[in-house]
């Protein structure tokens, strides 16, 4: 019987994979956070005309999107490819573009399909590696050193994607 600890979904994610050196300690998985201060609507709204206020909020959102993109580029998310994945809060399975071996420590930089996008860096070990009937390599990676807050983010993402898939919206 196949018992899983978390819900799973099939999804397409932008991500990159990198094998870390064999003797490397496993770092903690992280989520990139926005490091800029968002506008506080109450502090400005009462002092300006509504049209100007709405324009300022629009500019603030655009600047935040640009800053988020720059932060992601600096963190190495500029070199990601699309992968079909089987994702859960405990790990993922995918068809990599290069060879991986069981036991490899892997760094995964992934962009979750949220609005705005969620940028995460996971670390995990390759637990399974198999060649499918079509001759493609499929690996399964178990996430390691994931804080509960980040795991909760993944659980919410998986459940949201399940709702979207069931409703047919994406």
Protein backbone atom coordinates (compact mmCIF):
# COMPACT_ATOMS: atom_id res chain seq x y z
CA UNK A 1 0.00 0.00 0.00
CA UNK A 2 1.31 3.44 -0.95
CA UNK A 3 0.92 5.72 2.08
CA UNK A 4 1.84 9.33 1.70
CA UNK A 5 2.27 11.89 4.42
CA UNK A 6 1.01 14.86 2.35
CA UNK A 7 -1.37 15.63 -0.50
CA UNK A 8 0.21 15.57 -3.97
CA UNK A 9 -0.48 17.37 -7.22
CA UNK A 10 0.84 17.23 -10.73
CA UNK A 11 1.94 20.70 -11.75
CA UNK A 12 4.32 22.56 -14.02
CA UNK A 13 6.87 24.65 -12.13
CA UNK A 14 9.80 26.81 -13.06
CA UNK A 15 12.80 25.45 -11.19
CA UNK A 16 16.49 24.68 -11.27
CA UNK A 17 18.32 21.66 -9.87
CA UNK A 18 21.91 21.49 -8.70
CA UNK A 19 23.76 18.61 -7.05
CA UNK A 20 25.76 19.76 -4.03
CA UNK A 21 29.18 18.25 -3.19
CA UNK A 22 29.01 14.86 -1.44
CA UNK A 23 30.47 16.11 1.86
CA UNK A 24 28.22 19.21 2.07
CA UNK A 25 25.98 19.62 5.11
CA UNK A 26 22.33 20.01 4.18
CA UNK A 27 21.32 23.71 4.46
CA UNK A 28 17.88 24.82 5.61
CA UNK A 29 15.22 25.31 2.96
CA UNK A 30 14.05 28.92 2.70
CA UNK A 31 11.47 31.20 1.14
CA UNK A 32 12.56 34.56 -0.22
CA UNK A 33 10.82 37.42 1.54
CA UNK A 34 10.20 40.91 0.33
CA UNK A 35 12.70 43.25 1.98
CA UNK A 36 11.01 46.53 1.17
CA UNK A 37 8.35 48.39 3.03
CA UNK A 38 4.89 48.51 1.51
CA UNK A 39 2.86 51.71 1.57
CA UNK A 40 0.51 52.12 4.50
CA UNK A 41 -2.79 53.25 2.94
CA UNK A 42 -4.05 55.15 6.00
CA UNK A 43 -0.94 57.33 6.22
CA UNK A 44 -1.32 58.80 2.73
CA UNK A 45 -4.97 58.34 1.80
CA UNK A 46 -6.38 61.10 4.00
CA UNK A 47 -3.88 63.67 2.66
CA UNK A 48 -4.33 63.30 -1.14
CA UNK A 49 -7.09 63.19 -3.73
CA UNK A 50 -8.57 59.69 -4.39
CA UNK A 51 -7.34 59.63 -8.02
CA UNK A 52 -3.81 60.50 -6.95
CA UNK A 53 -3.96 57.96 -4.13
CA UNK A 54 -5.00 55.19 -6.56
CA UNK A 55 -2.17 56.19 -8.90
CA UNK A 56 0.35 56.06 -6.03
CA UNK A 57 -0.88 52.59 -5.00
CA UNK A 58 -0.55 51.41 -8.60
CA UNK A 59 3.02 52.75 -8.80
CA UNK A 60 3.83 51.12 -5.44
CA UNK A 61 2.61 47.71 -6.69
CA UNK A 62 4.66 48.01 -9.87
CA UNK A 63 7.79 48.97 -7.94
CA UNK A 64 7.26 46.04 -5.57
CA UNK A 65 6.98 43.67 -8.55
CA UNK A 66 10.24 45.05 -10.01
CA UNK A 67 12.02 44.72 -6.64
CA UNK A 68 10.76 41.16 -6.23
CA UNK A 69 12.02 40.27 -9.69
CA UNK A 70 15.46 41.80 -8.97
CA UNK A 71 15.68 39.98 -5.64
CA UNK A 72 14.81 36.69 -7.33
CA UNK A 73 17.41 37.27 -10.07
CA UNK A 74 20.08 38.02 -7.47
CA UNK A 75 19.19 34.79 -5.64
CA UNK A 76 19.72 32.75 -8.82
CA UNK A 77 16.15 32.35 -10.05
CA UNK A 78 16.99 33.79 -13.47
CA UNK A 79 18.12 30.40 -14.80
CA UNK A 80 15.06 28.22 -14.27
CA UNK A 81 13.38 25.80 -16.69
CA UNK A 82 9.85 24.43 -16.82
CA UNK A 83 9.40 20.96 -15.33
CA UNK A 84 6.39 18.73 -14.98
CA UNK A 85 6.43 17.73 -11.30
CA UNK A 86 4.55 15.61 -8.83
CA UNK A 87 4.68 17.90 -5.77
CA UNK A 88 3.84 17.54 -2.10
CA UNK A 89 4.98 19.24 1.09
CA UNK A 90 7.38 16.33 1.59
CA UNK A 91 9.12 16.31 -1.77
CA UNK A 92 8.76 16.12 -5.51
CA UNK A 93 9.23 13.79 -8.44
CA UNK A 94 10.26 14.94 -11.90
CA UNK A 95 12.04 14.10 -15.13
CA UNK A 96 15.42 15.87 -14.87
CA UNK A 97 17.45 17.03 -17.85
CA UNK A 98 20.65 15.55 -16.38
CA UNK A 99 21.70 12.46 -14.43
CA UNK A 100 21.15 12.14 -10.68
CA UNK A 101 22.01 9.28 -8.36
CA UNK A 102 20.24 7.96 -5.30
CA UNK A 103 21.59 9.78 -2.24
CA UNK A 104 22.58 12.97 -4.09
CA UNK A 105 22.00 16.16 -2.07
CA UNK A 106 20.14 18.54 -4.38
CA UNK A 107 19.40 22.27 -4.25
CA UNK A 108 16.04 23.11 -5.84
CA UNK A 109 15.15 26.71 -6.63
CA UNK A 110 11.44 26.77 -7.46
CA UNK A 111 8.91 29.43 -8.34
CA UNK A 112 5.44 28.52 -7.11
CA UNK A 113 2.56 29.65 -9.34
CA UNK A 114 1.03 32.16 -6.93
CA UNK A 115 0.20 35.86 -7.28
CA UNK A 116 2.72 37.29 -6.68
CA UNK A 117 5.04 34.33 -7.37
CA UNK A 118 6.53 32.54 -4.36
CA UNK A 119 10.28 31.92 -4.58
CA UNK A 120 11.58 28.99 -2.54
CA UNK A 121 14.88 27.17 -2.18
CA UNK A 122 14.59 23.55 -1.07
CA UNK A 123 17.26 21.03 -0.26
CA UNK A 124 16.63 17.34 -0.46
CA UNK A 125 18.00 13.89 -1.17
CA UNK A 126 17.29 11.80 -4.23
CA UNK A 127 15.37 8.82 -2.84
CA UNK A 128 14.43 7.07 -6.10
CA UNK A 129 15.80 7.03 -9.61
CA UNK A 130 14.19 4.97 -12.35
CA UNK A 131 13.96 4.79 -16.10
CA UNK A 132 10.39 4.87 -17.40
CA UNK A 133 8.97 2.77 -20.24
CA UNK A 134 9.67 5.70 -22.56
CA UNK A 135 13.37 5.71 -21.58
CA UNK A 136 13.22 8.92 -19.53
CA UNK A 137 14.88 9.20 -16.12
CA UNK A 138 12.48 9.98 -13.27
CA UNK A 139 13.75 10.92 -9.82
CA UNK A 140 12.03 11.44 -6.48
CA UNK A 141 13.48 13.96 -4.04
CA UNK A 142 12.60 14.11 -0.35
CA UNK A 143 12.83 17.63 1.09
CA UNK A 144 15.09 18.07 4.12
CA UNK A 145 15.48 20.80 6.75
CA UNK A 146 12.15 22.47 5.97
CA UNK A 147 10.75 24.82 8.62
CA UNK A 148 7.08 24.32 9.47
CA UNK A 149 6.19 27.77 8.12
CA UNK A 150 7.60 26.86 4.71
CA UNK A 151 5.99 23.41 4.81
CA UNK A 152 2.66 25.15 5.56
CA UNK A 153 3.22 27.38 2.53
CA UNK A 154 3.64 24.24 0.41
CA UNK A 155 0.54 22.59 1.88
CA UNK A 156 -1.52 25.73 1.12
CA UNK A 157 -0.10 25.86 -2.40
CA UNK A 158 -0.90 22.20 -3.11
CA UNK A 159 -4.44 22.54 -1.77
CA UNK A 160 -5.01 25.76 -3.76
CA UNK A 161 -3.77 24.10 -6.97
CA UNK A 162 -6.02 21.10 -6.30
CA UNK A 163 -9.01 23.48 -6.01
CA UNK A 164 -8.00 25.19 -9.27
CA UNK A 165 -7.60 21.87 -11.07
CA UNK A 166 -10.94 20.56 -9.79
CA UNK A 167 -12.76 23.77 -10.72
CA UNK A 168 -11.07 23.75 -14.14
CA UNK A 169 -9.71 27.28 -13.78
CA UNK A 170 -6.11 26.34 -14.66
